[in-house]
Amino acid sequence: LLASASDDESIRLWNLKTGAHVQTLMSDRPY
């Protein structure tokens, strides 16, 4: 797995071998 963190407030997980996006981790905002 490759994990990336961004100013867009998300962490994205990728399959390193294929480059496929696996999951996006992002906490809910208050509203």
mmCIF file of all heavy atoms, coordinates in Angstrom:
data_MODEL
# 
_entry.id   MODEL 
# 
loop_
_atom_site.group_PDB 
_atom_site.id 
_atom_site.type_symbol 
_atom_site.label_atom_id 
_atom_site.label_alt_id 
_atom_site.label_comp_id 
_atom_site.label_asym_id 
_atom_site.label_entity_id 
_atom_site.label_seq_id 
_atom_site.pdbx_PDB_ins_code 
_atom_site.Cartn_x 
_atom_site.Cartn_y 
_atom_site.Cartn_z 
_atom_site.occupancy 
_atom_site.B_iso_or_equiv 
_atom_site.pdbx_formal_charge 
_atom_site.auth_seq_id 
_atom_site.auth_comp_id 
_atom_site.auth_asym_id 
_atom_site.auth_atom_id 
_atom_site.pdbx_PDB_model_num 
ATOM 1   N N   . LEU A 1 1  ? 0.817   -1.207 0.000   1.00 0.00 ? 1  LEU A N   1 
ATOM 2   C CA  . LEU A 1 1  ? 0.000   0.000  0.000   1.00 0.00 ? 1  LEU A CA  1 
ATOM 3   C C   . LEU A 1 1  ? 0.853   1.260  0.000   1.00 0.00 ? 1  LEU A C   1 
ATOM 4   O O   . LEU A 1 1  ? 1.913   1.307  0.620   1.00 0.00 ? 1  LEU A O   1 
ATOM 5   C CB  . LEU A 1 1  ? -0.919  0.018  1.228   1.00 0.00 ? 1  LEU A CB  1 
ATOM 6   C CG  . LEU A 1 1  ? -2.079  -0.978 1.249   1.00 0.00 ? 1  LEU A CG  1 
ATOM 7   C CD1 . LEU A 1 1  ? -2.801  -0.903 2.588   1.00 0.00 ? 1  LEU A CD1 1 
ATOM 8   C CD2 . LEU A 1 1  ? -3.049  -0.689 0.108   1.00 0.00 ? 1  LEU A CD2 1 
ATOM 9   N N   . LEU A 1 2  ? 0.355   2.252  -0.680  1.00 0.00 ? 2  LEU A N   1 
ATOM 10  C CA  . LEU A 1 2  ? 0.903   3.595  -0.662  1.00 0.00 ? 2  LEU A CA  1 
ATOM 11  C C   . LEU A 1 2  ? -0.145  4.504  -0.040  1.00 0.00 ? 2  LEU A C   1 
ATOM 12  O O   . LEU A 1 2  ? -1.318  4.449  -0.417  1.00 0.00 ? 2  LEU A O   1 
ATOM 13  C CB  . LEU A 1 2  ? 1.223   4.042  -2.091  1.00 0.00 ? 2  LEU A CB  1 
ATOM 14  C CG  . LEU A 1 2  ? 1.383   5.533  -2.382  1.00 0.00 ? 2  LEU A CG  1 
ATOM 15  C CD1 . LEU A 1 2  ? 2.545   6.113  -1.604  1.00 0.00 ? 2  LEU A CD1 1 
ATOM 16  C CD2 . LEU A 1 2  ? 1.559   5.761  -3.866  1.00 0.00 ? 2  LEU A CD2 1 
ATOM 17  N N   . ALA A 1 3  ? 0.258   5.300  0.934   1.00 0.00 ? 3  ALA A N   1 
ATOM 18  C CA  . ALA A 1 3  ? -0.651  6.268  1.550   1.00 0.00 ? 3  ALA A CA  1 
ATOM 19  C C   . ALA A 1 3  ? -0.157  7.671  1.242   1.00 0.00 ? 3  ALA A C   1 
ATOM 20  O O   . ALA A 1 3  ? 1.047   7.939  1.248   1.00 0.00 ? 3  ALA A O   1 
ATOM 21  C CB  . ALA A 1 3  ? -0.735  6.046  3.055   1.00 0.00 ? 3  ALA A CB  1 
ATOM 22  N N   . SER A 1 4  ? -1.098  8.568  0.977   1.00 0.00 ? 4  SER A N   1 
ATOM 23  C CA  . SER A 1 4  ? -0.755  9.956  0.672   1.00 0.00 ? 4  SER A CA  1 
ATOM 24  C C   . SER A 1 4  ? -1.656  10.891 1.465   1.00 0.00 ? 4  SER A C   1 
ATOM 25  O O   . SER A 1 4  ? -2.843  10.610 1.662   1.00 0.00 ? 4  SER A O   1 
ATOM 26  C CB  . SER A 1 4  ? -0.906  10.227 -0.827  1.00 0.00 ? 4  SER A CB  1 
ATOM 27  O OG  . SER A 1 4  ? -2.222  9.902  -1.274  1.00 0.00 ? 4  SER A OG  1 
ATOM 28  N N   . ALA A 1 5  ? -1.091  11.994 1.933   1.00 0.00 ? 5  ALA A N   1 
ATOM 29  C CA  . ALA A 1 5  ? -1.835  12.982 2.717   1.00 0.00 ? 5  ALA A CA  1 
ATOM 30  C C   . ALA A 1 5  ? -1.738  14.329 2.034   1.00 0.00 ? 5  ALA A C   1 
ATOM 31  O O   . ALA A 1 5  ? -0.676  14.707 1.522   1.00 0.00 ? 5  ALA A O   1 
ATOM 32  C CB  . ALA A 1 5  ? -1.268  13.069 4.131   1.00 0.00 ? 5  ALA A CB  1 
ATOM 33  N N   . SER A 1 6  ? -2.849  15.076 2.053   1.00 0.00 ? 6  SER A N   1 
ATOM 34  C CA  . SER A 1 6  ? -2.931  16.279 1.239   1.00 0.00 ? 6  SER A CA  1 
ATOM 35  C C   . SER A 1 6  ? -3.593  17.434 1.979   1.00 0.00 ? 6  SER A C   1 
ATOM 36  O O   . SER A 1 6  ? -4.291  17.253 2.977   1.00 0.00 ? 6  SER A O   1 
ATOM 37  C CB  . SER A 1 6  ? -3.716  15.966 -0.039  1.00 0.00 ? 6  SER A CB  1 
ATOM 38  O OG  . SER A 1 6  ? -4.107  17.126 -0.733  1.00 0.00 ? 6  SER A OG  1 
ATOM 39  N N   . ASP A 1 7  ? -3.411  18.623 1.422   1.00 0.00 ? 7  ASP A N   1 
ATOM 40  C CA  . ASP A 1 7  ? -4.098  19.816 1.896   1.00 0.00 ? 7  ASP A CA  1 
ATOM 41  C C   . ASP A 1 7  ? -5.609  19.734 1.679   1.00 0.00 ? 7  ASP A C   1 
ATOM 42  O O   . ASP A 1 7  ? -6.345  20.559 2.205   1.00 0.00 ? 7  ASP A O   1 
ATOM 43  C CB  . ASP A 1 7  ? -3.559  21.047 1.151   1.00 0.00 ? 7  ASP A CB  1 
ATOM 44  C CG  . ASP A 1 7  ? -2.691  21.926 2.043   1.00 0.00 ? 7  ASP A CG  1 
ATOM 45  O OD1 . ASP A 1 7  ? -2.519  21.598 3.228   1.00 0.00 ? 7  ASP A OD1 1 
ATOM 46  O OD2 . ASP A 1 7  ? -2.163  22.948 1.545   1.00 0.00 ? 7  ASP A OD2 1 
ATOM 47  N N   . ASP A 1 8  ? -6.067  18.764 0.892   1.00 0.00 ? 8  ASP A N   1 
ATOM 48  C CA  . ASP A 1 8  ? -7.505  18.620 0.663   1.00 0.00 ? 8  ASP A CA  1 
ATOM 49  C C   . ASP A 1 8  ? -8.204  17.910 1.826   1.00 0.00 ? 8  ASP A C   1 
ATOM 50  O O   . ASP A 1 8  ? -9.366  17.523 1.726   1.00 0.00 ? 8  ASP A O   1 
ATOM 51  C CB  . ASP A 1 8  ? -7.795  17.910 -0.657  1.00 0.00 ? 8  ASP A CB  1 
ATOM 52  C CG  . ASP A 1 8  ? -7.289  16.467 -0.699  1.00 0.00 ? 8  ASP A CG  1 
ATOM 53  O OD1 . ASP A 1 8  ? -6.947  15.913 0.366   1.00 0.00 ? 8  ASP A OD1 1 
ATOM 54  O OD2 . ASP A 1 8  ? -7.233  15.889 -1.797  1.00 0.00 ? 8  ASP A OD2 1 
ATOM 55  N N   . GLU A 1 9  ? -7.464  17.719 2.930   1.00 0.00 ? 9  GLU A N   1 
ATOM 56  C CA  . GLU A 1 9  ? -7.982  17.151 4.181   1.00 0.00 ? 9  GLU A CA  1 
ATOM 57  C C   . GLU A 1 9  ? -8.223  15.646 4.111   1.00 0.00 ? 9  GLU A C   1 
ATOM 58  O O   . GLU A 1 9  ? -8.907  15.076 4.964   1.00 0.00 ? 9  GLU A O   1 
ATOM 59  C CB  . GLU A 1 9  ? -9.271  17.860 4.614   1.00 0.00 ? 9  GLU A CB  1 
ATOM 60  C CG  . GLU A 1 9  ? -9.115  19.359 4.799   1.00 0.00 ? 9  GLU A CG  1 
ATOM 61  C CD  . GLU A 1 9  ? -10.410 20.058 5.162   1.00 0.00 ? 9  GLU A CD  1 
ATOM 62  O OE1 . GLU A 1 9  ? -11.413 19.360 5.420   1.00 0.00 ? 9  GLU A OE1 1 
ATOM 63  O OE2 . GLU A 1 9  ? -10.425 21.304 5.171   1.00 0.00 ? 9  GLU A OE2 1 
ATOM 64  N N   . SER A 1 10 ? -7.643  14.992 3.109   1.00 0.00 ? 10 SER A N   1 
ATOM 65  C CA  . SER A 1 10 ? -7.858  13.550 2.971   1.00 0.00 ? 10 SER A CA  1 
ATOM 66  C C   . SER A 1 10 ? -6.547  12.783 2.986   1.00 0.00 ? 10 SER A C   1 
ATOM 67  O O   . SER A 1 10 ? -5.473  13.331 2.698   1.00 0.00 ? 10 SER A O   1 
ATOM 68  C CB  . SER A 1 10 ? -8.605  13.237 1.670   1.00 0.00 ? 10 SER A CB  1 
ATOM 69  O OG  . SER A 1 10 ? -7.735  13.367 0.549   1.00 0.00 ? 10 SER A OG  1 
ATOM 70  N N   . ILE A 1 11 ? -6.657  11.513 3.349   1.00 0.00 ? 11 ILE A N   1 
ATOM 71  C CA  . ILE A 1 11 ? -5.598  10.522 3.177   1.00 0.00 ? 11 ILE A CA  1 
ATOM 72  C C   . ILE A 1 11 ? -6.117  9.514  2.167   1.00 0.00 ? 11 ILE A C   1 
ATOM 73  O O   . ILE A 1 11 ? -7.247  9.018  2.297   1.00 0.00 ? 11 ILE A O   1 
ATOM 74  C CB  . ILE A 1 11 ? -5.266  9.809  4.500   1.00 0.00 ? 11 ILE A CB  1 
ATOM 75  C CG1 . ILE A 1 11 ? -4.777  10.821 5.542   1.00 0.00 ? 11 ILE A CG1 1 
ATOM 76  C CG2 . ILE A 1 11 ? -4.235  8.701  4.279   1.00 0.00 ? 11 ILE A CG2 1 
ATOM 77  C CD1 . ILE A 1 11 ? -4.743  10.264 6.945   1.00 0.00 ? 11 ILE A CD1 1 
ATOM 78  N N   . ARG A 1 12 ? -5.333  9.218  1.175   1.00 0.00 ? 12 ARG A N   1 
ATOM 79  C CA  . ARG A 1 12 ? -5.753  8.244  0.163   1.00 0.00 ? 12 ARG A CA  1 
ATOM 80  C C   . ARG A 1 12 ? -4.815  7.034  0.203   1.00 0.00 ? 12 ARG A C   1 
ATOM 81  O O   . ARG A 1 12 ? -3.604  7.183  0.342   1.00 0.00 ? 12 ARG A O   1 
ATOM 82  C CB  . ARG A 1 12 ? -5.756  8.870  -1.233  1.00 0.00 ? 12 ARG A CB  1 
ATOM 83  C CG  . ARG A 1 12 ? -6.890  9.871  -1.428  1.00 0.00 ? 12 ARG A CG  1 
ATOM 84  C CD  . ARG A 1 12 ? -6.864  10.545 -2.788  1.00 0.00 ? 12 ARG A CD  1 
ATOM 85  N NE  . ARG A 1 12 ? -7.984  11.455 -2.918  1.00 0.00 ? 12 ARG A NE  1 
ATOM 86  C CZ  . ARG A 1 12 ? -9.065  11.215 -3.657  1.00 0.00 ? 12 ARG A CZ  1 
ATOM 87  N NH1 . ARG A 1 12 ? -9.156  10.093 -4.346  1.00 0.00 ? 12 ARG A NH1 1 
ATOM 88  N NH2 . ARG A 1 12 ? -10.050 12.107 -3.722  1.00 0.00 ? 12 ARG A NH2 1 
ATOM 89  N N   . LEU A 1 13 ? -5.404  5.867  0.078   1.00 0.00 ? 13 LEU A N   1 
ATOM 90  C CA  . LEU A 1 13 ? -4.654  4.619  0.024   1.00 0.00 ? 13 LEU A CA  1 
ATOM 91  C C   . LEU A 1 13 ? -4.692  4.090  -1.405  1.00 0.00 ? 13 LEU A C   1 
ATOM 92  O O   . LEU A 1 13 ? -5.746  4.086  -2.049  1.00 0.00 ? 13 LEU A O   1 
ATOM 93  C CB  . LEU A 1 13 ? -5.247  3.582  0.986   1.00 0.00 ? 13 LEU A CB  1 
ATOM 94  C CG  . LEU A 1 13 ? -5.318  3.980  2.466   1.00 0.00 ? 13 LEU A CG  1 
ATOM 95  C CD1 . LEU A 1 13 ? -5.922  2.845  3.286   1.00 0.00 ? 13 LEU A CD1 1 
ATOM 96  C CD2 . LEU A 1 13 ? -3.947  4.346  3.005   1.00 0.00 ? 13 LEU A CD2 1 
ATOM 97  N N   . TRP A 1 14 ? -3.539  3.626  -1.873  1.00 0.00 ? 14 TRP A N   1 
ATOM 98  C CA  . TRP A 1 14 ? -3.394  3.153  -3.248  1.00 0.00 ? 14 TRP A CA  1 
ATOM 99  C C   . TRP A 1 14 ? -2.699  1.787  -3.250  1.00 0.00 ? 14 TRP A C   1 
ATOM 100 O O   . TRP A 1 14 ? -1.875  1.494  -2.384  1.00 0.00 ? 14 TRP A O   1 
ATOM 101 C CB  . TRP A 1 14 ? -2.536  4.110  -4.068  1.00 0.00 ? 14 TRP A CB  1 
ATOM 102 C CG  . TRP A 1 14 ? -2.840  5.557  -3.915  1.00 0.00 ? 14 TRP A CG  1 
ATOM 103 C CD1 . TRP A 1 14 ? -2.472  6.373  -2.869  1.00 0.00 ? 14 TRP A CD1 1 
ATOM 104 C CD2 . TRP A 1 14 ? -3.580  6.386  -4.803  1.00 0.00 ? 14 TRP A CD2 1 
ATOM 105 N NE1 . TRP A 1 14 ? -2.923  7.653  -3.074  1.00 0.00 ? 14 TRP A NE1 1 
ATOM 106 C CE2 . TRP A 1 14 ? -3.606  7.701  -4.255  1.00 0.00 ? 14 TRP A CE2 1 
ATOM 107 C CE3 . TRP A 1 14 ? -4.213  6.168  -6.035  1.00 0.00 ? 14 TRP A CE3 1 
ATOM 108 C CZ2 . TRP A 1 14 ? -4.235  8.766  -4.888  1.00 0.00 ? 14 TRP A CZ2 1 
ATOM 109 C CZ3 . TRP A 1 14 ? -4.835  7.238  -6.666  1.00 0.00 ? 14 TRP A CZ3 1 
ATOM 110 C CH2 . TRP A 1 14 ? -4.849  8.512  -6.084  1.00 0.00 ? 14 TRP A CH2 1 
ATOM 111 N N   . ASN A 1 15 ? -3.028  0.970  -4.237  1.00 0.00 ? 15 ASN A N   1 
ATOM 112 C CA  . ASN A 1 15 ? -2.296  -0.269 -4.469  1.00 0.00 ? 15 ASN A CA  1 
ATOM 113 C C   . ASN A 1 15 ? -0.997  0.103  -5.183  1.00 0.00 ? 15 ASN A C   1 
ATOM 114 O O   . ASN A 1 15 ? -1.024  0.634  -6.294  1.00 0.00 ? 15 ASN A O   1 
ATOM 115 C CB  . ASN A 1 15 ? -3.127  -1.223 -5.325  1.00 0.00 ? 15 ASN A CB  1 
ATOM 116 C CG  . ASN A 1 15 ? -2.455  -2.575 -5.527  1.00 0.00 ? 15 ASN A CG  1 
ATOM 117 O OD1 . ASN A 1 15 ? -1.274  -2.661 -5.852  1.00 0.00 ? 15 ASN A OD1 1 
ATOM 118 N ND2 . ASN A 1 15 ? -3.212  -3.641 -5.348  1.00 0.00 ? 15 ASN A ND2 1 
ATOM 119 N N   . LEU A 1 16 ? 0.125   -0.147 -4.539  1.00 0.00 ? 16 LEU A N   1 
ATOM 120 C CA  . LEU A 1 16 ? 1.408   0.280  -5.093  1.00 0.00 ? 16 LEU A CA  1 
ATOM 121 C C   . LEU A 1 16 ? 1.700   -0.408 -6.429  1.00 0.00 ? 16 LEU A C   1 
ATOM 122 O O   . LEU A 1 16 ? 2.270   0.200  -7.336  1.00 0.00 ? 16 LEU A O   1 
ATOM 123 C CB  . LEU A 1 16 ? 2.532   -0.006 -4.090  1.00 0.00 ? 16 LEU A CB  1 
ATOM 124 C CG  . LEU A 1 16 ? 3.942   0.393  -4.517  1.00 0.00 ? 16 LEU A CG  1 
ATOM 125 C CD1 . LEU A 1 16 ? 4.039   1.891  -4.754  1.00 0.00 ? 16 LEU A CD1 1 
ATOM 126 C CD2 . LEU A 1 16 ? 4.972   -0.035 -3.472  1.00 0.00 ? 16 LEU A CD2 1 
ATOM 127 N N   . LYS A 1 17 ? 1.309   -1.680 -6.565  1.00 0.00 ? 17 LYS A N   1 
ATOM 128 C CA  . LYS A 1 17 ? 1.630   -2.428 -7.784  1.00 0.00 ? 17 LYS A CA  1 
ATOM 129 C C   . LYS A 1 17 ? 0.804   -1.960 -8.976  1.00 0.00 ? 17 LYS A C   1 
ATOM 130 O O   . LYS A 1 17 ? 1.319   -1.790 -10.076 1.00 0.00 ? 17 LYS A O   1 
ATOM 131 C CB  . LYS A 1 17 ? 1.404   -3.929 -7.549  1.00 0.00 ? 17 LYS A CB  1 
ATOM 132 C CG  . LYS A 1 17 ? 2.455   -4.584 -6.661  1.00 0.00 ? 17 LYS A CG  1 
ATOM 133 C CD  . LYS A 1 17 ? 2.211   -6.069 -6.547  1.00 0.00 ? 17 LYS A CD  1 
ATOM 134 C CE  . LYS A 1 17 ? 3.290   -6.748 -5.705  1.00 0.00 ? 17 LYS A CE  1 
ATOM 135 N NZ  . LYS A 1 17 ? 3.041   -8.208 -5.553  1.00 0.00 ? 17 LYS A NZ  1 
ATOM 136 N N   . THR A 1 18 ? -0.499  -1.751 -8.753  1.00 0.00 ? 18 THR A N   1 
ATOM 137 C CA  . THR A 1 18 ? -1.388  -1.429 -9.868  1.00 0.00 ? 18 THR A CA  1 
ATOM 138 C C   . THR A 1 18 ? -1.666  0.067  -10.004 1.00 0.00 ? 18 THR A C   1 
ATOM 139 O O   . THR A 1 18 ? -2.106  0.529  -11.051 1.00 0.00 ? 18 THR A O   1 
ATOM 140 C CB  . THR A 1 18 ? -2.734  -2.156 -9.707  1.00 0.00 ? 18 THR A CB  1 
ATOM 141 O OG1 . THR A 1 18 ? -3.419  -1.633 -8.551  1.00 0.00 ? 18 THR A OG1 1 
ATOM 142 C CG2 . THR A 1 18 ? -2.524  -3.653 -9.534  1.00 0.00 ? 18 THR A CG2 1 
ATOM 143 N N   . GLY A 1 19 ? -1.455  0.817  -8.921  1.00 0.00 ? 19 GLY A N   1 
ATOM 144 C CA  . GLY A 1 19 ? -1.797  2.230  -8.922  1.00 0.00 ? 19 GLY A CA  1 
ATOM 145 C C   . GLY A 1 19 ? -3.261  2.510  -8.658  1.00 0.00 ? 19 GLY A C   1 
ATOM 146 O O   . GLY A 1 19 ? -3.702  3.660  -8.697  1.00 0.00 ? 19 GLY A O   1 
ATOM 147 N N   . ALA A 1 20 ? -4.032  1.457  -8.390  1.00 0.00 ? 20 ALA A N   1 
ATOM 148 C CA  . ALA A 1 20 ? -5.469  1.629  -8.168  1.00 0.00 ? 20 ALA A CA  1 
ATOM 149 C C   . ALA A 1 20 ? -5.740  2.306  -6.828  1.00 0.00 ? 20 ALA A C   1 
ATOM 150 O O   . ALA A 1 20 ? -5.075  2.016  -5.821  1.00 0.00 ? 20 ALA A O   1 
ATOM 151 C CB  . ALA A 1 20 ? -6.177  0.277  -8.212  1.00 0.00 ? 20 ALA A CB  1 
ATOM 152 N N   . HIS A 1 21 ? -6.725  3.198  -6.815  1.00 0.00 ? 21 HIS A N   1 
ATOM 153 C CA  . HIS A 1 21 ? -7.152  3.842  -5.574  1.00 0.00 ? 21 HIS A CA  1 
ATOM 154 C C   . HIS A 1 21 ? -7.939  2.828  -4.753  1.00 0.00 ? 21 HIS A C   1 
ATOM 155 O O   . HIS A 1 21 ? -8.891  2.219  -5.238  1.00 0.00 ? 21 HIS A O   1 
ATOM 156 C CB  . HIS A 1 21 ? -8.005  5.068  -5.901  1.00 0.00 ? 21 HIS A CB  1 
ATOM 157 C CG  . HIS A 1 21 ? -8.604  5.716  -4.698  1.00 0.00 ? 21 HIS A CG  1 
ATOM 158 N ND1 . HIS A 1 21 ? -9.950  5.830  -4.499  1.00 0.00 ? 21 HIS A ND1 1 
ATOM 159 C CD2 . HIS A 1 21 ? -8.022  6.282  -3.608  1.00 0.00 ? 21 HIS A CD2 1 
ATOM 160 C CE1 . HIS A 1 21 ? -10.183 6.444  -3.349  1.00 0.00 ? 21 HIS A CE1 1 
ATOM 161 N NE2 . HIS A 1 21 ? -9.023  6.731  -2.799  1.00 0.00 ? 21 HIS A NE2 1 
ATOM 162 N N   . VAL A 1 22 ? -7.550  2.639  -3.513  1.00 0.00 ? 22 VAL A N   1 
ATOM 163 C CA  . VAL A 1 22 ? -8.170  1.638  -2.653  1.00 0.00 ? 22 VAL A CA  1 
ATOM 164 C C   . VAL A 1 22 ? -9.210  2.260  -1.727  1.00 0.00 ? 22 VAL A C   1 
ATOM 165 O O   . VAL A 1 22 ? -10.320 1.748  -1.567  1.00 0.00 ? 22 VAL A O   1 
ATOM 166 C CB  . VAL A 1 22 ? -7.093  0.897  -1.817  1.00 0.00 ? 22 VAL A CB  1 
ATOM 167 C CG1 . VAL A 1 22 ? -7.743  -0.074 -0.833  1.00 0.00 ? 22 VAL A CG1 1 
ATOM 168 C CG2 . VAL A 1 22 ? -6.115  0.178  -2.723  1.00 0.00 ? 22 VAL A CG2 1 
ATOM 169 N N   . GLN A 1 23 ? -8.870  3.381  -1.107  1.00 0.00 ? 23 GLN A N   1 
ATOM 170 C CA  . GLN A 1 23 ? -9.750  3.966  -0.099  1.00 0.00 ? 23 GLN A CA  1 
ATOM 171 C C   . GLN A 1 23 ? -9.355  5.410  0.169   1.00 0.00 ? 23 GLN A C   1 
ATOM 172 O O   . GLN A 1 23 ? -8.201  5.785  0.011   1.00 0.00 ? 23 GLN A O   1 
ATOM 173 C CB  . GLN A 1 23 ? -9.654  3.154  1.206   1.00 0.00 ? 23 GLN A CB  1 
ATOM 174 C CG  . GLN A 1 23 ? -10.664 3.515  2.266   1.00 0.00 ? 23 GLN A CG  1 
ATOM 175 C CD  . GLN A 1 23 ? -10.543 2.598  3.487   1.00 0.00 ? 23 GLN A CD  1 
ATOM 176 O OE1 . GLN A 1 23 ? -9.644  1.762  3.562   1.00 0.00 ? 23 GLN A OE1 1 
ATOM 177 N NE2 . GLN A 1 23 ? -11.425 2.757  4.435   1.00 0.00 ? 23 GLN A NE2 1 
ATOM 178 N N   . THR A 1 24 ? -10.357 6.209  0.551   1.00 0.00 ? 24 THR A N   1 
ATOM 179 C CA  . THR A 1 24 ? -10.098 7.576  1.003   1.00 0.00 ? 24 THR A CA  1 
ATOM 180 C C   . THR A 1 24 ? -10.499 7.696  2.464   1.00 0.00 ? 24 THR A C   1 
ATOM 181 O O   . THR A 1 24 ? -11.605 7.302  2.846   1.00 0.00 ? 24 THR A O   1 
ATOM 182 C CB  . THR A 1 24 ? -10.885 8.606  0.175   1.00 0.00 ? 24 THR A CB  1 
ATOM 183 O OG1 . THR A 1 24 ? -10.466 8.531  -1.194  1.00 0.00 ? 24 THR A OG1 1 
ATOM 184 C CG2 . THR A 1 24 ? -10.638 10.017 0.684   1.00 0.00 ? 24 THR A CG2 1 
ATOM 185 N N   . LEU A 1 25 ? -9.594  8.194  3.279   1.00 0.00 ? 25 LEU A N   1 
ATOM 186 C CA  . LEU A 1 25 ? -9.863  8.408  4.700   1.00 0.00 ? 25 LEU A CA  1 
ATOM 187 C C   . LEU A 1 25 ? -10.041 9.899  4.924   1.00 0.00 ? 25 LEU A C   1 
ATOM 188 O O   . LEU A 1 25 ? -9.159  10.694 4.619   1.00 0.00 ? 25 LEU A O   1 
ATOM 189 C CB  . LEU A 1 25 ? -8.703  7.888  5.552   1.00 0.00 ? 25 LEU A CB  1 
ATOM 190 C CG  . LEU A 1 25 ? -8.271  6.437  5.311   1.00 0.00 ? 25 LEU A CG  1 
ATOM 191 C CD1 . LEU A 1 25 ? -7.068  6.090  6.176   1.00 0.00 ? 25 LEU A CD1 1 
ATOM 192 C CD2 . LEU A 1 25 ? -9.416  5.476  5.591   1.00 0.00 ? 25 LEU A CD2 1 
ATOM 193 N N   . MET A 1 26 ? -11.215 10.261 5.462   1.00 0.00 ? 26 MET A N   1 
ATOM 194 C CA  . MET A 1 26 ? -11.507 11.669 5.670   1.00 0.00 ? 26 MET A CA  1 
ATOM 195 C C   . MET A 1 26 ? -12.531 11.786 6.785   1.00 0.00 ? 26 MET A C   1 
ATOM 196 O O   . MET A 1 26 ? -13.611 11.192 6.722   1.00 0.00 ? 26 MET A O   1 
ATOM 197 C CB  . MET A 1 26 ? -12.050 12.286 4.380   1.00 0.00 ? 26 MET A CB  1 
ATOM 198 C CG  . MET A 1 26 ? -12.088 13.788 4.360   1.00 0.00 ? 26 MET A CG  1 
ATOM 199 S SD  . MET A 1 26 ? -12.476 14.383 2.682   1.00 0.00 ? 26 MET A SD  1 
ATOM 200 C CE  . MET A 1 26 ? -12.288 16.139 2.923   1.00 0.00 ? 26 MET A CE  1 
ATOM 201 N N   . SER A 1 27 ? -12.197 12.507 7.836   1.00 0.00 ? 27 SER A N   1 
ATOM 202 C CA  . SER A 1 27 ? -13.126 12.632 8.960   1.00 0.00 ? 27 SER A CA  1 
ATOM 203 C C   . SER A 1 27 ? -14.229 13.619 8.617   1.00 0.00 ? 27 SER A C   1 
ATOM 204 O O   . SER A 1 27 ? -14.036 14.589 7.873   1.00 0.00 ? 27 SER A O   1 
ATOM 205 C CB  . SER A 1 27 ? -12.387 13.098 10.218  1.00 0.00 ? 27 SER A CB  1 
ATOM 206 O OG  . SER A 1 27 ? -11.814 14.370 10.004  1.00 0.00 ? 27 SER A OG  1 
ATOM 207 N N   . ASP A 1 28 ? -15.422 13.359 9.148   1.00 0.00 ? 28 ASP A N   1 
ATOM 208 C CA  . ASP A 1 28 ? -16.546 14.273 8.938   1.00 0.00 ? 28 ASP A CA  1 
ATOM 209 C C   . ASP A 1 28 ? -16.287 15.597 9.635   1.00 0.00 ? 28 ASP A C   1 
ATOM 210 O O   . ASP A 1 28 ? -15.793 15.646 10.761  1.00 0.00 ? 28 ASP A O   1 
ATOM 211 C CB  . ASP A 1 28 ? -17.843 13.662 9.486   1.00 0.00 ? 28 ASP A CB  1 
ATOM 212 C CG  . ASP A 1 28 ? -18.359 12.534 8.612   1.00 0.00 ? 28 ASP A CG  1 
ATOM 213 O OD1 . ASP A 1 28 ? -17.933 12.456 7.442   1.00 0.00 ? 28 ASP A OD1 1 
ATOM 214 O OD2 . ASP A 1 28 ? -19.174 11.741 9.106   1.00 0.00 ? 28 ASP A OD2 1 
ATOM 215 N N   . ARG A 1 29 ? -16.674 16.666 8.962   1.00 0.00 ? 29 ARG A N   1 
ATOM 216 C CA  . ARG A 1 29 ? -16.607 17.989 9.571   1.00 0.00 ? 29 ARG A CA  1 
ATOM 217 C C   . ARG A 1 29 ? -17.852 18.210 10.435  1.00 0.00 ? 29 ARG A C   1 
ATOM 218 O O   . ARG A 1 29 ? -18.845 17.485 10.309  1.00 0.00 ? 29 ARG A O   1 
ATOM 219 C CB  . ARG A 1 29 ? -16.484 19.042 8.467   1.00 0.00 ? 29 ARG A CB  1 
ATOM 220 C CG  . ARG A 1 29 ? -15.150 18.963 7.725   1.00 0.00 ? 29 ARG A CG  1 
ATOM 221 C CD  . ARG A 1 29 ? -15.145 19.785 6.456   1.00 0.00 ? 29 ARG A CD  1 
ATOM 222 N NE  . ARG A 1 29 ? -16.051 19.227 5.459   1.00 0.00 ? 29 ARG A NE  1 
ATOM 223 C CZ  . ARG A 1 29 ? -16.236 19.751 4.243   1.00 0.00 ? 29 ARG A CZ  1 
ATOM 224 N NH1 . ARG A 1 29 ? -15.584 20.845 3.892   1.00 0.00 ? 29 ARG A NH1 1 
ATOM 225 N NH2 . ARG A 1 29 ? -17.071 19.198 3.395   1.00 0.00 ? 29 ARG A NH2 1 
ATOM 226 N N   . PRO A 1 30 ? -17.826 19.205 11.328  1.00 0.00 ? 30 PRO A N   1 
ATOM 227 C CA  . PRO A 1 30 ? -18.923 19.359 12.306  1.00 0.00 ? 30 PRO A CA  1 
ATOM 228 C C   . PRO A 1 30 ? -20.313 19.471 11.696  1.00 0.00 ? 30 PRO A C   1 
ATOM 229 O O   . PRO A 1 30 ? -21.285 18.978 12.272  1.00 0.00 ? 30 PRO A O   1 
ATOM 230 C CB  . PRO A 1 30 ? -18.533 20.652 13.055  1.00 0.00 ? 30 PRO A CB  1 
ATOM 231 C CG  . PRO A 1 30 ? -17.061 20.754 12.909  1.00 0.00 ? 30 PRO A CG  1 
ATOM 232 C CD  . PRO A 1 30 ? -16.743 20.171 11.569  1.00 0.00 ? 30 PRO A CD  1 
ATOM 233 N N   . TYR A 1 31 ? -20.422 20.112 10.517  1.00 0.00 ? 31 TYR A N   1 
ATOM 234 C CA  . TYR A 1 31 ? -21.739 20.307 9.905   1.00 0.00 ? 31 TYR A CA  1 
ATOM 235 C C   . TYR A 1 31 ? -21.839 19.568 8.569   1.00 0.00 ? 31 TYR A C   1 
ATOM 236 O O   . TYR A 1 31 ? -22.541 20.009 7.661   1.00 0.00 ? 31 TYR A O   1 
ATOM 237 C CB  . TYR A 1 31 ? -22.015 21.804 9.736   1.00 0.00 ? 31 TYR A CB  1 
ATOM 238 C CG  . TYR A 1 31 ? -22.057 22.540 11.050  1.00 0.00 ? 31 TYR A CG  1 
ATOM 239 C CD1 . TYR A 1 31 ? -20.959 23.278 11.490  1.00 0.00 ? 31 TYR A CD1 1 
ATOM 240 C CD2 . TYR A 1 31 ? -23.178 22.483 11.873  1.00 0.00 ? 31 TYR A CD2 1 
ATOM 241 C CE1 . TYR A 1 31 ? -20.979 23.932 12.713  1.00 0.00 ? 31 TYR A CE1 1 
ATOM 242 C CE2 . TYR A 1 31 ? -23.212 23.140 13.100  1.00 0.00 ? 31 TYR A CE2 1 
ATOM 243 C CZ  . TYR A 1 31 ? -22.111 23.864 13.508  1.00 0.00 ? 31 TYR A CZ  1 
ATOM 244 O OH  . TYR A 1 31 ? -22.132 24.507 14.727  1.00 0.00 ? 31 TYR A OH  1 
# 
